[in-house]
Amino acid sequence: MSETPSDPGPLGPAAAAGPPPEPMPRSTVAVTVGGVWALALVLGVLIAFLSHPAQYASWISLALGVCVIASFGAQLATQRKDGFVNRLATTLTGSFVILGVIGGILGLVTLGH
């Protein structure tokens, strides 16, 4: 007599993977992404008020470097690998846009002088 099991169970790599991870709460994503965006905004405003117009470009690029390091730190602090690249890309793109807009405004202001 040959018995065939009715449910052979999962086979292959999916069996070892276990259940899918729970998605990260939106509040955590908002804090990690929004926090770096706020940092970019604060750095841009500080550059506008505290730096000499001839040094705007160098300070904006330094602020972007700080935002890159802060982005990695914020996303690694979540200790979640699922969606890491998307969260990091969102954080970096937002920081780049914020500092780019501030840099453009500062460039236009400098042309006016």
PDB file of N, CA and C in Angstrom:
ATOM      1  N   MET A   1       0.820  -1.169   0.000  1.00  0.00           N
ATOM      2  CA  MET A   1       0.000   0.000   0.000  1.00  0.00           C
ATOM      3  C   MET A   1       0.874   1.244   0.000  1.00  0.00           C
ATOM      4  N   SER A   2       0.566   2.088  -0.904  1.00  0.00           N
ATOM      5  CA  SER A   2       1.331   3.335  -0.917  1.00  0.00           C
ATOM      6  C   SER A   2       0.458   4.452  -0.383  1.00  0.00           C
ATOM      7  N   GLU A   3       1.028   5.151   0.589  1.00  0.00           N
ATOM      8  CA  GLU A   3       0.310   6.291   1.168  1.00  0.00           C
ATOM      9  C   GLU A   3       0.892   7.569   0.614  1.00  0.00           C
ATOM     10  N   THR A   4       0.048   8.429   0.200  1.00  0.00           N
ATOM     11  CA  THR A   4       0.495   9.752  -0.235  1.00  0.00           C
ATOM     12  C   THR A   4      -0.050  10.766   0.751  1.00  0.00           C
ATOM     13  N   PRO A   5       0.841  11.550   1.292  1.00  0.00           N
ATOM     14  CA  PRO A   5       0.349  12.559   2.246  1.00  0.00           C
ATOM     15  C   PRO A   5      -0.523  13.584   1.541  1.00  0.00           C
ATOM     16  N   SER A   6      -1.529  14.026   2.251  1.00  0.00           N
ATOM     17  CA  SER A   6      -2.431  15.014   1.652  1.00  0.00           C
ATOM     18  C   SER A   6      -1.794  16.397   1.587  1.00  0.00           C
ATOM     19  N   ASP A   7      -0.886  16.710   2.528  1.00  0.00           N
ATOM     20  CA  ASP A   7      -0.218  18.010   2.544  1.00  0.00           C
ATOM     21  C   ASP A   7       1.279  17.775   2.740  1.00  0.00           C
ATOM     22  N   PRO A   8       2.034  17.778   1.658  1.00  0.00           N
ATOM     23  CA  PRO A   8       3.455  17.500   1.801  1.00  0.00           C
ATOM     24  C   PRO A   8       4.217  18.641   2.488  1.00  0.00           C
ATOM     25  N   GLY A   9       3.593  19.785   2.653  1.00  0.00           N
ATOM     26  CA  GLY A   9       4.259  20.910   3.304  1.00  0.00           C
ATOM     27  C   GLY A   9       5.083  21.701   2.312  1.00  0.00           C
ATOM     28  N   PRO A  10       5.619  22.826   2.760  1.00  0.00           N
ATOM     29  CA  PRO A  10       6.404  23.659   1.855  1.00  0.00           C
ATOM     30  C   PRO A  10       7.757  23.016   1.555  1.00  0.00           C
ATOM     31  N   LEU A  11       8.174  23.168   0.333  1.00  0.00           N
ATOM     32  CA  LEU A  11       9.449  22.623  -0.097  1.00  0.00           C
ATOM     33  C   LEU A  11      10.316  23.733  -0.662  1.00  0.00           C
ATOM     34  N   GLY A  12      11.593  23.551  -0.582  1.00  0.00           N
ATOM     35  CA  GLY A  12      12.512  24.505  -1.179  1.00  0.00           C
ATOM     36  C   GLY A  12      12.923  25.600  -0.210  1.00  0.00           C
ATOM     37  N   PRO A  13      13.548  26.666  -0.741  1.00  0.00           N
ATOM     38  CA  PRO A  13      14.057  27.749   0.106  1.00  0.00           C
ATOM     39  C   PRO A  13      12.967  28.473   0.876  1.00  0.00           C
ATOM     40  N   ALA A  14      11.754  28.467   0.360  1.00  0.00           N
ATOM     41  CA  ALA A  14      10.671  29.169   1.058  1.00  0.00           C
ATOM     42  C   ALA A  14      10.361  28.508   2.385  1.00  0.00           C
ATOM     43  N   ALA A  15      10.633  27.214   2.502  1.00  0.00           N
ATOM     44  CA  ALA A  15      10.344  26.510   3.753  1.00  0.00           C
ATOM     45  C   ALA A  15      11.248  26.997   4.867  1.00  0.00           C
ATOM     46  N   ALA A  16      12.489  27.331   4.551  1.00  0.00           N
ATOM     47  CA  ALA A  16      13.427  27.774   5.569  1.00  0.00           C
ATOM     48  C   ALA A  16      13.255  29.251   5.901  1.00  0.00           C
ATOM     49  N   ALA A  17      12.598  29.990   5.040  1.00  0.00           N
ATOM     50  CA  ALA A  17      12.475  31.435   5.236  1.00  0.00           C
ATOM     51  C   ALA A  17      11.540  31.795   6.373  1.00  0.00           C
ATOM     52  N   GLY A  18      10.562  30.979   6.647  1.00  0.00           N
ATOM     53  CA  GLY A  18       9.621  31.280   7.715  1.00  0.00           C
ATOM     54  C   GLY A  18       8.542  32.235   7.241  1.00  0.00           C
ATOM     55  N   PRO A  19       7.792  32.749   8.182  1.00  0.00           N
ATOM     56  CA  PRO A  19       6.706  33.667   7.806  1.00  0.00           C
ATOM     57  C   PRO A  19       7.280  35.002   7.332  1.00  0.00           C
ATOM     58  N   PRO A  20       6.542  35.702   6.476  1.00  0.00           N
ATOM     59  CA  PRO A  20       7.036  37.008   6.008  1.00  0.00           C
ATOM     60  C   PRO A  20       7.086  38.003   7.167  1.00  0.00           C
ATOM     61  N   PRO A  21       8.072  38.915   7.141  1.00  0.00           N
ATOM     62  CA  PRO A  21       8.180  39.886   8.239  1.00  0.00           C
ATOM     63  C   PRO A  21       7.030  40.877   8.217  1.00  0.00           C
ATOM     64  N   GLU A  22       6.723  41.393   9.394  1.00  0.00           N
ATOM     65  CA  GLU A  22       5.671  42.411   9.485  1.00  0.00           C
ATOM     66  C   GLU A  22       6.212  43.709   8.897  1.00  0.00           C
ATOM     67  N   PRO A  23       5.363  44.464   8.212  1.00  0.00           N
ATOM     68  CA  PRO A  23       5.843  45.741   7.669  1.00  0.00           C
ATOM     69  C   PRO A  23       6.171  46.726   8.791  1.00  0.00           C
ATOM     70  N   MET A  24       7.114  47.609   8.493  1.00  0.00           N
ATOM     71  CA  MET A  24       7.505  48.614   9.473  1.00  0.00           C
ATOM     72  C   MET A  24       6.371  49.622   9.645  1.00  0.00           C
ATOM     73  N   PRO A  25       6.111  50.035  10.864  1.00  0.00           N
ATOM     74  CA  PRO A  25       5.047  51.035  11.077  1.00  0.00           C
ATOM     75  C   PRO A  25       5.348  52.334  10.327  1.00  0.00           C
ATOM     76  N   ARG A  26       4.285  52.944   9.828  1.00  0.00           N
ATOM     77  CA  ARG A  26       4.439  54.200   9.085  1.00  0.00           C
ATOM     78  C   ARG A  26       5.084  55.292   9.930  1.00  0.00           C
ATOM     79  N   SER A  27       4.815  55.282  11.214  1.00  0.00           N
ATOM     80  CA  SER A  27       5.396  56.313  12.073  1.00  0.00           C
ATOM     81  C   SER A  27       6.916  56.187  12.124  1.00  0.00           C
ATOM     82  N   THR A  28       7.422  54.970  12.125  1.00  0.00           N
ATOM     83  CA  THR A  28       8.872  54.769  12.134  1.00  0.00           C
ATOM     84  C   THR A  28       9.486  55.251  10.831  1.00  0.00           C
ATOM     85  N   VAL A  29       8.836  54.939   9.726  1.00  0.00           N
ATOM     86  CA  VAL A  29       9.330  55.400   8.423  1.00  0.00           C
ATOM     87  C   VAL A  29       9.295  56.919   8.370  1.00  0.00           C
ATOM     88  N   ALA A  30       8.227  57.511   8.857  1.00  0.00           N
ATOM     89  CA  ALA A  30       8.101  58.970   8.836  1.00  0.00           C
ATOM     90  C   ALA A  30       9.181  59.635   9.689  1.00  0.00           C
ATOM     91  N   VAL A  31       9.494  59.046  10.827  1.00  0.00           N
ATOM     92  CA  VAL A  31      10.507  59.636  11.702  1.00  0.00           C
ATOM     93  C   VAL A  31      11.892  59.514  11.083  1.00  0.00           C
ATOM     94  N   THR A  32      12.216  58.342  10.530  1.00  0.00           N
ATOM     95  CA  THR A  32      13.560  58.166   9.982  1.00  0.00           C
ATOM     96  C   THR A  32      13.766  58.970   8.704  1.00  0.00           C
ATOM     97  N   VAL A  33      12.772  59.016   7.843  1.00  0.00           N
ATOM     98  CA  VAL A  33      12.898  59.779   6.597  1.00  0.00           C
ATOM     99  C   VAL A  33      12.716  61.268   6.868  1.00  0.00           C
ATOM    100  N   GLY A  34      11.672  61.618   7.584  1.00  0.00           N
ATOM    101  CA  GLY A  34      11.385  63.031   7.865  1.00  0.00           C
ATOM    102  C   GLY A  34      12.440  63.696   8.731  1.00  0.00           C
ATOM    103  N   GLY A  35      13.057  62.932   9.601  1.00  0.00           N
ATOM    104  CA  GLY A  35      14.103  63.499  10.445  1.00  0.00           C
ATOM    105  C   GLY A  35      15.297  63.978   9.634  1.00  0.00           C
ATOM    106  N   VAL A  36      15.677  63.195   8.640  1.00  0.00           N
ATOM    107  CA  VAL A  36      16.804  63.601   7.789  1.00  0.00           C
ATOM    108  C   VAL A  36      16.390  64.758   6.890  1.00  0.00           C
ATOM    109  N   TRP A  37      15.147  64.755   6.421  1.00  0.00           N
ATOM    110  CA  TRP A  37      14.673  65.888   5.630  1.00  0.00           C
ATOM    111  C   TRP A  37      14.679  67.165   6.462  1.00  0.00           C
ATOM    112  N   ALA A  38      14.270  67.072   7.720  1.00  0.00           N
ATOM    113  CA  ALA A  38      14.294  68.235   8.607  1.00  0.00           C
ATOM    114  C   ALA A  38      15.731  68.701   8.835  1.00  0.00           C
ATOM    115  N   LEU A  39      16.646  67.750   8.972  1.00  0.00           N
ATOM    116  CA  LEU A  39      18.059  68.102   9.114  1.00  0.00           C
ATOM    117  C   LEU A  39      18.546  68.867   7.890  1.00  0.00           C
ATOM    118  N   ALA A  40      18.174  68.414   6.699  1.00  0.00           N
ATOM    119  CA  ALA A  40      18.574  69.100   5.473  1.00  0.00           C
ATOM    120  C   ALA A  40      18.018  70.526   5.445  1.00  0.00           C
ATOM    121  N   LEU A  41      16.773  70.681   5.857  1.00  0.00           N
ATOM    122  CA  LEU A  41      16.155  72.006   5.880  1.00  0.00           C
ATOM    123  C   LEU A  41      16.854  72.925   6.876  1.00  0.00           C
ATOM    124  N   VAL A  42      17.139  72.413   8.063  1.00  0.00           N
ATOM    125  CA  VAL A  42      17.814  73.216   9.087  1.00  0.00           C
ATOM    126  C   VAL A  42      19.212  73.609   8.624  1.00  0.00           C
ATOM    127  N   LEU A  43      19.945  72.652   8.060  1.00  0.00           N
ATOM    128  CA  LEU A  43      21.281  72.972   7.569  1.00  0.00           C
ATOM    129  C   LEU A  43      21.228  74.012   6.450  1.00  0.00           C
ATOM    130  N   GLY A  44      20.257  73.894   5.559  1.00  0.00           N
ATOM    131  CA  GLY A  44      20.114  74.870   4.482  1.00  0.00           C
ATOM    132  C   GLY A  44      19.824  76.267   4.994  1.00  0.00           C
ATOM    133  N   VAL A  45      18.951  76.369   5.977  1.00  0.00           N
ATOM    134  CA  VAL A  45      18.615  77.680   6.553  1.00  0.00           C
ATOM    135  C   VAL A  45      19.820  78.257   7.294  1.00  0.00           C
ATOM    136  N   LEU A  46      20.549  77.410   8.025  1.00  0.00           N
ATOM    137  CA  LEU A  46      21.747  77.891   8.713  1.00  0.00           C
ATOM    138  C   LEU A  46      22.795  78.383   7.722  1.00  0.00           C
ATOM    139  N   ILE A  47      22.938  77.672   6.626  1.00  0.00           N
ATOM    140  CA  ILE A  47      23.888  78.100   5.592  1.00  0.00           C
ATOM    141  C   ILE A  47      23.471  79.449   5.028  1.00  0.00           C
ATOM    142  N   ALA A  48      22.176  79.626   4.807  1.00  0.00           N
ATOM    143  CA  ALA A  48      21.690  80.887   4.242  1.00  0.00           C
ATOM    144  C   ALA A  48      21.985  82.062   5.157  1.00  0.00           C
ATOM    145  N   PHE A  49      21.856  81.867   6.455  1.00  0.00           N
ATOM    146  CA  PHE A  49      22.004  82.990   7.383  1.00  0.00           C
ATOM    147  C   PHE A  49      23.421  83.171   7.915  1.00  0.00           C
ATOM    148  N   LEU A  50      24.209  82.101   7.957  1.00  0.00           N
ATOM    149  CA  LEU A  50      25.504  82.211   8.628  1.00  0.00           C
ATOM    150  C   LEU A  50      26.705  82.216   7.692  1.00  0.00           C
ATOM    151  N   SER A  51      26.529  81.846   6.453  1.00  0.00           N
ATOM    152  CA  SER A  51      27.702  81.733   5.588  1.00  0.00           C
ATOM    153  C   SER A  51      27.798  82.907   4.629  1.00  0.00           C
ATOM    154  N   HIS A  52      28.996  83.094   4.125  1.00  0.00           N
ATOM    155  CA  HIS A  52      29.257  84.143   3.143  1.00  0.00           C
ATOM    156  C   HIS A  52      28.755  83.660   1.780  1.00  0.00           C
ATOM    157  N   PRO A  53      28.169  84.547   0.973  1.00  0.00           N
ATOM    158  CA  PRO A  53      27.620  84.119  -0.327  1.00  0.00           C
ATOM    159  C   PRO A  53      28.622  83.397  -1.227  1.00  0.00           C
ATOM    160  N   ALA A  54      29.890  83.727  -1.147  1.00  0.00           N
ATOM    161  CA  ALA A  54      30.883  83.063  -1.996  1.00  0.00           C
ATOM    162  C   ALA A  54      31.104  81.609  -1.571  1.00  0.00           C
ATOM    163  N   GLN A  55      30.663  81.251  -0.377  1.00  0.00           N
ATOM    164  CA  GLN A  55      30.888  79.904   0.140  1.00  0.00           C
ATOM    165  C   GLN A  55      29.613  79.059   0.178  1.00  0.00           C
ATOM    166  N   TYR A  56      28.531  79.541  -0.395  1.00  0.00           N
ATOM    167  CA  TYR A  56      27.277  78.787  -0.373  1.00  0.00           C
ATOM    168  C   TYR A  56      27.429  77.391  -0.969  1.00  0.00           C
ATOM    169  N   ALA A  57      28.069  77.295  -2.114  1.00  0.00           N
ATOM    170  CA  ALA A  57      28.159  76.006  -2.815  1.00  0.00           C
ATOM    171  C   ALA A  57      28.929  74.972  -1.993  1.00  0.00           C
ATOM    172  N   SER A  58      30.029  75.380  -1.398  1.00  0.00           N
ATOM    173  CA  SER A  58      30.809  74.420  -0.619  1.00  0.00           C
ATOM    174  C   SER A  58      30.058  73.983   0.631  1.00  0.00           C
ATOM    175  N   TRP A  59      29.340  74.897   1.265  1.00  0.00           N
ATOM    176  CA  TRP A  59      28.584  74.526   2.459  1.00  0.00           C
ATOM    177  C   TRP A  59      27.377  73.650   2.111  1.00  0.00           C
ATOM    178  N   ILE A  60      26.735  73.912   0.992  1.00  0.00           N
ATOM    179  CA  ILE A  60      25.596  73.079   0.569  1.00  0.00           C
ATOM    180  C   ILE A  60      26.075  71.656   0.282  1.00  0.00           C
ATOM    181  N   SER A  61      27.224  71.516  -0.379  1.00  0.00           N
ATOM    182  CA  SER A  61      27.729  70.172  -0.659  1.00  0.00           C
ATOM    183  C   SER A  61      28.135  69.456   0.629  1.00  0.00           C
ATOM    184  N   LEU A  62      28.677  70.182   1.585  1.00  0.00           N
ATOM    185  CA  LEU A  62      29.003  69.579   2.876  1.00  0.00           C
ATOM    186  C   LEU A  62      27.726  69.152   3.602  1.00  0.00           C
ATOM    187  N   ALA A  63      26.690  69.965   3.536  1.00  0.00           N
ATOM    188  CA  ALA A  63      25.414  69.611   4.155  1.00  0.00           C
ATOM    189  C   ALA A  63      24.823  68.356   3.519  1.00  0.00           C
ATOM    190  N   LEU A  64      24.972  68.213   2.205  1.00  0.00           N
ATOM    191  CA  LEU A  64      24.487  67.006   1.542  1.00  0.00           C
ATOM    192  C   LEU A  64      25.268  65.786   2.015  1.00  0.00           C
ATOM    193  N   GLY A  65      26.566  65.929   2.215  1.00  0.00           N
ATOM    194  CA  GLY A  65      27.365  64.830   2.753  1.00  0.00           C
ATOM    195  C   GLY A  65      26.925  64.437   4.152  1.00  0.00           C
ATOM    196  N   VAL A  66      26.604  65.420   4.972  1.00  0.00           N
ATOM    197  CA  VAL A  66      26.095  65.132   6.314  1.00  0.00           C
ATOM    198  C   VAL A  66      24.760  64.398   6.226  1.00  0.00           C
ATOM    199  N   CYS A  67      23.914  64.799   5.291  1.00  0.00           N
ATOM    200  CA  CYS A  67      22.618  64.137   5.123  1.00  0.00           C
ATOM    201  C   CYS A  67      22.774  62.702   4.638  1.00  0.00           C
ATOM    202  N   VAL A  68      23.782  62.423   3.811  1.00  0.00           N
ATOM    203  CA  VAL A  68      24.028  61.046   3.363  1.00  0.00           C
ATOM    204  C   VAL A  68      24.394  60.176   4.555  1.00  0.00           C
ATOM    205  N   ILE A  69      25.299  60.655   5.394  1.00  0.00           N
ATOM    206  CA  ILE A  69      25.709  59.893   6.576  1.00  0.00           C
ATOM    207  C   ILE A  69      24.531  59.723   7.532  1.00  0.00           C
ATOM    208  N   ALA A  70      23.762  60.786   7.737  1.00  0.00           N
ATOM    209  CA  ALA A  70      22.592  60.703   8.619  1.00  0.00           C
ATOM    210  C   ALA A  70      21.546  59.747   8.053  1.00  0.00           C
ATOM    211  N   SER A  71      21.399  59.697   6.728  1.00  0.00           N
ATOM    212  CA  SER A  71      20.434  58.779   6.105  1.00  0.00           C
ATOM    213  C   SER A  71      20.809  57.333   6.377  1.00  0.00           C
ATOM    214  N   PHE A  72      22.072  57.006   6.179  1.00  0.00           N
ATOM    215  CA  PHE A  72      22.507  55.646   6.479  1.00  0.00           C
ATOM    216  C   PHE A  72      22.311  55.326   7.950  1.00  0.00           C
ATOM    217  N   GLY A  73      22.674  56.256   8.809  1.00  0.00           N
ATOM    218  CA  GLY A  73      22.507  56.029  10.242  1.00  0.00           C
ATOM    219  C   GLY A  73      21.053  55.823  10.639  1.00  0.00           C
ATOM    220  N   ALA A  74      20.171  56.649  10.100  1.00  0.00           N
ATOM    221  CA  ALA A  74      18.752  56.553  10.456  1.00  0.00           C
ATOM    222  C   ALA A  74      18.138  55.246   9.956  1.00  0.00           C
ATOM    223  N   GLN A  75      18.490  54.842   8.741  1.00  0.00           N
ATOM    224  CA  GLN A  75      17.896  53.622   8.189  1.00  0.00           C
ATOM    225  C   GLN A  75      18.509  52.364   8.800  1.00  0.00           C
ATOM    226  N   LEU A  76      19.780  52.404   9.129  1.00  0.00           N
ATOM    227  CA  LEU A  76      20.388  51.248   9.797  1.00  0.00           C
ATOM    228  C   LEU A  76      19.905  51.127  11.242  1.00  0.00           C
ATOM    229  N   ALA A  77      19.536  52.247  11.850  1.00  0.00           N
ATOM    230  CA  ALA A  77      19.045  52.216  13.227  1.00  0.00           C
ATOM    231  C   ALA A  77      17.713  51.486  13.347  1.00  0.00           C
ATOM    232  N   THR A  78      16.970  51.396  12.252  1.00  0.00           N
ATOM    233  CA  THR A  78      15.695  50.678  12.301  1.00  0.00           C
ATOM    234  C   THR A  78      15.899  49.172  12.419  1.00  0.00           C
ATOM    235  N   GLN A  79      17.084  48.695  12.044  1.00  0.00           N
ATOM    236  CA  GLN A  79      17.428  47.268  12.078  1.00  0.00           C
ATOM    237  C   GLN A  79      16.457  46.420  11.271  1.00  0.00           C
ATOM    238  N   ARG A  80      15.981  46.973  10.169  1.00  0.00           N
ATOM    239  CA  ARG A  80      15.071  46.255   9.265  1.00  0.00           C
ATOM    240  C   ARG A  80      15.676  46.257   7.876  1.00  0.00           C
ATOM    241  N   LYS A  81      15.920  45.062   7.335  1.00  0.00           N
ATOM    242  CA  LYS A  81      16.501  45.001   6.002  1.00  0.00           C
ATOM    243  C   LYS A  81      15.455  45.111   4.903  1.00  0.00           C
ATOM    244  N   ASP A  82      14.222  44.750   5.208  1.00  0.00           N
ATOM    245  CA  ASP A  82      13.163  44.824   4.205  1.00  0.00           C
ATOM    246  C   ASP A  82      12.831  46.275   3.904  1.00  0.00           C
ATOM    247  N   GLY A  83      12.993  46.673   2.646  1.00  0.00           N
ATOM    248  CA  GLY A  83      12.686  48.034   2.222  1.00  0.00           C
ATOM    249  C   GLY A  83      13.801  49.028   2.481  1.00  0.00           C
ATOM    250  N   PHE A  84      14.987  48.532   2.876  1.00  0.00           N
ATOM    251  CA  PHE A  84      16.092  49.429   3.208  1.00  0.00           C
ATOM    252  C   PHE A  84      16.466  50.325   2.035  1.00  0.00           C
ATOM    253  N   VAL A  85      16.606  49.737   0.868  1.00  0.00           N
ATOM    254  CA  VAL A  85      17.039  50.507  -0.301  1.00  0.00           C
ATOM    255  C   VAL A  85      16.001  51.567  -0.663  1.00  0.00           C
ATOM    256  N   ASN A  86      14.732  51.215  -0.590  1.00  0.00           N
ATOM    257  CA  ASN A  86      13.681  52.192  -0.905  1.00  0.00           C
ATOM    258  C   ASN A  86      13.657  53.328   0.106  1.00  0.00           C
ATOM    259  N   ARG A  87      13.780  52.994   1.393  1.00  0.00           N
ATOM    260  CA  ARG A  87      13.798  54.045   2.419  1.00  0.00           C
ATOM    261  C   ARG A  87      15.019  54.942   2.267  1.00  0.00           C
ATOM    262  N   LEU A  88      16.168  54.335   1.980  1.00  0.00           N
ATOM    263  CA  LEU A  88      17.389  55.119   1.815  1.00  0.00           C
ATOM    264  C   LEU A  88      17.287  56.022   0.587  1.00  0.00           C
ATOM    265  N   ALA A  89      16.758  55.490  -0.503  1.00  0.00           N
ATOM    266  CA  ALA A  89      16.607  56.295  -1.721  1.00  0.00           C
ATOM    267  C   ALA A  89      15.644  57.455  -1.493  1.00  0.00           C
ATOM    268  N   THR A  90      14.562  57.199  -0.781  1.00  0.00           N
ATOM    269  CA  THR A  90      13.600  58.265  -0.483  1.00  0.00           C
ATOM    270  C   THR A  90      14.241  59.342   0.378  1.00  0.00           C
ATOM    271  N   THR A  91      14.982  58.923   1.376  1.00  0.00           N
ATOM    272  CA  THR A  91      15.630  59.872   2.274  1.00  0.00           C
ATOM    273  C   THR A  91      16.644  60.728   1.524  1.00  0.00           C
ATOM    274  N   LEU A  92      17.480  60.081   0.710  1.00  0.00           N
ATOM    275  CA  LEU A  92      18.514  60.817  -0.008  1.00  0.00           C
ATOM    276  C   LEU A  92      17.931  61.727  -1.087  1.00  0.00           C
ATOM    277  N   THR A  93      16.906  61.250  -1.773  1.00  0.00           N
ATOM    278  CA  THR A  93      16.285  62.077  -2.812  1.00  0.00           C
ATOM    279  C   THR A  93      15.653  63.324  -2.207  1.00  0.00           C
ATOM    280  N   GLY A  94      14.945  63.152  -1.105  1.00  0.00           N
ATOM    281  CA  GLY A  94      14.335  64.305  -0.448  1.00  0.00           C
ATOM    282  C   GLY A  94      15.368  65.305   0.032  1.00  0.00           C
ATOM    283  N   SER A  95      16.446  64.818   0.620  1.00  0.00           N
ATOM    284  CA  SER A  95      17.508  65.715   1.091  1.00  0.00           C
ATOM    285  C   SER A  95      18.138  66.465  -0.075  1.00  0.00           C
ATOM    286  N   PHE A  96      18.374  65.742  -1.173  1.00  0.00           N
ATOM    287  CA  PHE A  96      18.952  66.366  -2.362  1.00  0.00           C
ATOM    288  C   PHE A  96      18.034  67.450  -2.915  1.00  0.00           C
ATOM    289  N   VAL A  97      16.747  67.178  -2.967  1.00  0.00           N
ATOM    290  CA  VAL A  97      15.790  68.163  -3.487  1.00  0.00           C
ATOM    291  C   VAL A  97      15.728  69.384  -2.571  1.00  0.00           C
ATOM    292  N   ILE A  98      15.649  69.163  -1.271  1.00  0.00           N
ATOM    293  CA  ILE A  98      15.570  70.280  -0.316  1.00  0.00           C
ATOM    294  C   ILE A  98      16.801  71.170  -0.429  1.00  0.00           C
ATOM    295  N   LEU A  99      17.994  70.546  -0.395  1.00  0.00           N
ATOM    296  CA  LEU A  99      19.213  71.346  -0.480  1.00  0.00           C
ATOM    297  C   LEU A  99      19.397  71.944  -1.870  1.00  0.00           C
ATOM    298  N   GLY A 100      18.893  71.271  -2.903  1.00  0.00           N
ATOM    299  CA  GLY A 100      18.958  71.835  -4.251  1.00  0.00           C
ATOM    300  C   GLY A 100      18.098  73.069  -4.401  1.00  0.00           C
ATOM    301  N   VAL A 101      16.896  73.029  -3.848  1.00  0.00           N
ATOM    302  CA  VAL A 101      16.012  74.196  -3.900  1.00  0.00           C
ATOM    303  C   VAL A 101      16.615  75.353  -3.103  1.00  0.00           C
ATOM    304  N   ILE A 102      17.135  75.055  -1.919  1.00  0.00           N
ATOM    305  CA  ILE A 102      17.761  76.113  -1.114  1.00  0.00           C
ATOM    306  C   ILE A 102      18.979  76.673  -1.842  1.00  0.00           C
ATOM    307  N   GLY A 103      19.776  75.786  -2.446  1.00  0.00           N
ATOM    308  CA  GLY A 103      20.937  76.254  -3.211  1.00  0.00           C
ATOM    309  C   GLY A 103      20.530  77.110  -4.394  1.00  0.00           C
ATOM    310  N   GLY A 104      19.460  76.744  -5.074  1.00  0.00           N
ATOM    311  CA  GLY A 104      18.968  77.555  -6.188  1.00  0.00           C
ATOM    312  C   GLY A 104      18.504  78.926  -5.731  1.00  0.00           C
ATOM    313  N   ILE A 105      17.785  78.951  -4.616  1.00  0.00           N
ATOM    314  CA  ILE A 105      17.332  80.239  -4.067  1.00  0.00           C
ATOM    315  C   ILE A 105      18.525  81.100  -3.671  1.00  0.00           C
ATOM    316  N   LEU A 106      19.512  80.485  -3.007  1.00  0.00           N
ATOM    317  CA  LEU A 106      20.692  81.247  -2.606  1.00  0.00           C
ATOM    318  C   LEU A 106      21.463  81.731  -3.834  1.00  0.00           C
ATOM    319  N   GLY A 107      21.490  80.948  -4.898  1.00  0.00           N
ATOM    320  CA  GLY A 107      22.148  81.385  -6.121  1.00  0.00           C
ATOM    321  C   GLY A 107      21.457  82.582  -6.738  1.00  0.00           C
ATOM    322  N   LEU A 108      20.124  82.560  -6.752  1.00  0.00           N
ATOM    323  CA  LEU A 108      19.366  83.692  -7.294  1.00  0.00           C
ATOM    324  C   LEU A 108      19.554  84.942  -6.431  1.00  0.00           C
ATOM    325  N   VAL A 109      19.588  84.760  -5.118  1.00  0.00           N
ATOM    326  CA  VAL A 109      19.798  85.887  -4.225  1.00  0.00           C
ATOM    327  C   VAL A 109      21.180  86.470  -4.445  1.00  0.00           C
ATOM    328  N   THR A 110      22.168  85.616  -4.640  1.00  0.00           N
ATOM    329  CA  THR A 110      23.525  86.080  -4.862  1.00  0.00           C
ATOM    330  C   THR A 110      23.645  86.846  -6.180  1.00  0.00           C
ATOM    331  N   LEU A 111      22.914  86.408  -7.212  1.00  0.00           N
ATOM    332  CA  LEU A 111      22.931  87.125  -8.488  1.00  0.00           C
ATOM    333  C   LEU A 111      22.332  88.523  -8.347  1.00  0.00           C
ATOM    334  N   GLY A 112      21.398  88.681  -7.426  1.00  0.00           N
ATOM    335  CA  GLY A 112      20.743  89.970  -7.228  1.00  0.00           C
ATOM    336  C   GLY A 112      21.635  91.007  -6.563  1.00  0.00           C
ATOM    337  N   HIS A 113      22.695  90.559  -5.922  1.00  0.00           N
ATOM    338  CA  HIS A 113      23.573  91.512  -5.229  1.00  0.00           C
ATOM    339  C   HIS A 113      24.587  92.059  -6.141  1.00  0.00           C
TER     340      HIS A 113
END
